[in-house]
Amino acid sequence: MQIKAKESKKFFWYDPQEVFYIDESYECTRMIDTIEMSIRKNKILTKDIMNPDNWIHQRKDGRNAKEICTFRITNQDLKH
């Protein structure tokens, strides 16, 4: 999968049916097994993708609760 600058893509989705679930300890990295990233122009990502504090977490509670996680990369997160 390629994600261009200023673009976002959904790369994982798990939606169990009829779940009534609230977990205050949910971490966005909980379901990640492996991530490989390649960044062009010989830049290095300095932001740790496996650190849950680096993710924006949104929750939609209720039946079919959803945990929405976003990992945002800015130019400040990249170095040569």
Protein backbone atom coordinates (compact mmCIF):
# COMPACT_ATOMS: atom_id res chain seq x y z
CA MET A 1 0.00 0.00 0.00
CA GLN A 2 1.30 3.44 -0.83
CA ILE A 3 0.16 6.52 1.04
CA LYS A 4 1.02 9.83 -0.57
CA ALA A 5 1.70 13.08 1.27
CA LYS A 6 -1.48 14.65 2.71
CA GLU A 7 -3.36 11.41 2.10
CA SER A 8 -4.78 8.89 4.54
CA LYS A 9 -5.85 5.29 4.12
CA LYS A 10 -7.57 2.73 6.28
CA PHE A 11 -5.22 -0.23 6.54
CA PHE A 12 -6.96 -2.37 9.17
CA TRP A 13 -10.56 -2.78 10.18
CA TYR A 14 -12.13 -5.25 12.58
CA ASP A 15 -15.83 -4.82 13.26
CA PRO A 16 -17.41 -7.55 15.40
CA GLN A 17 -21.20 -7.48 15.35
CA GLU A 18 -23.37 -6.71 18.38
CA VAL A 19 -20.57 -5.88 20.77
CA PHE A 20 -21.30 -3.64 23.74
CA TYR A 21 -17.82 -2.84 24.86
CA ILE A 22 -16.11 0.02 26.67
CA ASP A 23 -12.44 -0.40 27.45
CA GLU A 24 -10.77 2.64 28.98
CA SER A 25 -7.38 0.94 28.69
CA TYR A 26 -7.58 0.45 24.90
CA GLU A 27 -4.31 1.18 23.09
CA CYS A 28 -4.11 1.80 19.37
CA THR A 29 -1.11 -0.51 18.99
CA ARG A 30 -2.93 -3.46 20.60
CA MET A 31 -3.80 -5.21 17.32
CA ILE A 32 -0.61 -4.36 15.38
CA ASP A 33 1.56 -7.35 14.58
CA THR A 34 3.96 -5.96 11.98
CA ILE A 35 4.45 -2.67 10.17
CA GLU A 36 7.11 -1.96 7.59
CA MET A 37 7.53 1.59 6.35
CA SER A 38 9.56 2.92 3.48
CA ILE A 39 9.93 6.69 3.21
CA ARG A 40 11.32 8.25 0.06
CA LYS A 41 14.19 10.72 -0.29
CA ASN A 42 16.30 8.89 2.32
CA LYS A 43 14.31 10.30 5.22
CA ILE A 44 13.91 8.52 8.55
CA LEU A 45 10.73 8.44 10.61
CA THR A 46 11.64 9.62 14.13
CA LYS A 47 8.16 9.16 15.61
CA ASP A 48 7.71 5.70 17.17
CA ILE A 49 4.72 4.02 15.54
CA MET A 50 4.53 1.40 18.31
CA ASN A 51 4.17 4.01 21.07
CA PRO A 52 0.43 4.30 21.83
CA ASP A 53 0.95 7.92 22.96
CA ASN A 54 1.78 8.85 19.35
CA TRP A 55 -1.68 7.84 18.12
CA ILE A 56 -4.85 9.93 18.05
CA HIS A 57 -7.55 7.76 19.61
CA GLN A 58 -11.26 8.29 19.16
CA ARG A 59 -13.98 6.07 20.59
CA LYS A 60 -17.58 5.59 19.53
CA ASP A 61 -19.29 3.80 22.41
CA GLY A 62 -22.41 1.71 22.42
CA ARG A 63 -23.46 -1.37 20.54
CA ASN A 64 -20.91 -2.09 17.82
CA ALA A 65 -18.43 0.19 19.62
CA LYS A 66 -15.56 1.42 17.49
CA GLU A 67 -12.02 2.34 18.37
CA ILE A 68 -10.64 4.73 15.74
CA CYS A 69 -6.87 5.21 15.70
CA THR A 70 -4.92 7.66 13.55
CA PHE A 71 -1.14 7.87 13.26
CA ARG A 72 -0.23 11.23 11.72
CA ILE A 73 3.20 11.89 10.20
CA THR A 74 4.33 15.48 9.67
CA ASN A 75 7.54 16.89 8.22
CA GLN A 76 8.79 17.37 11.79
CA ASP A 77 8.61 13.59 12.27
CA LEU A 78 11.04 13.00 9.37
CA LYS A 79 14.75 13.72 9.22
CA HIS A 80 17.62 13.07 6.81
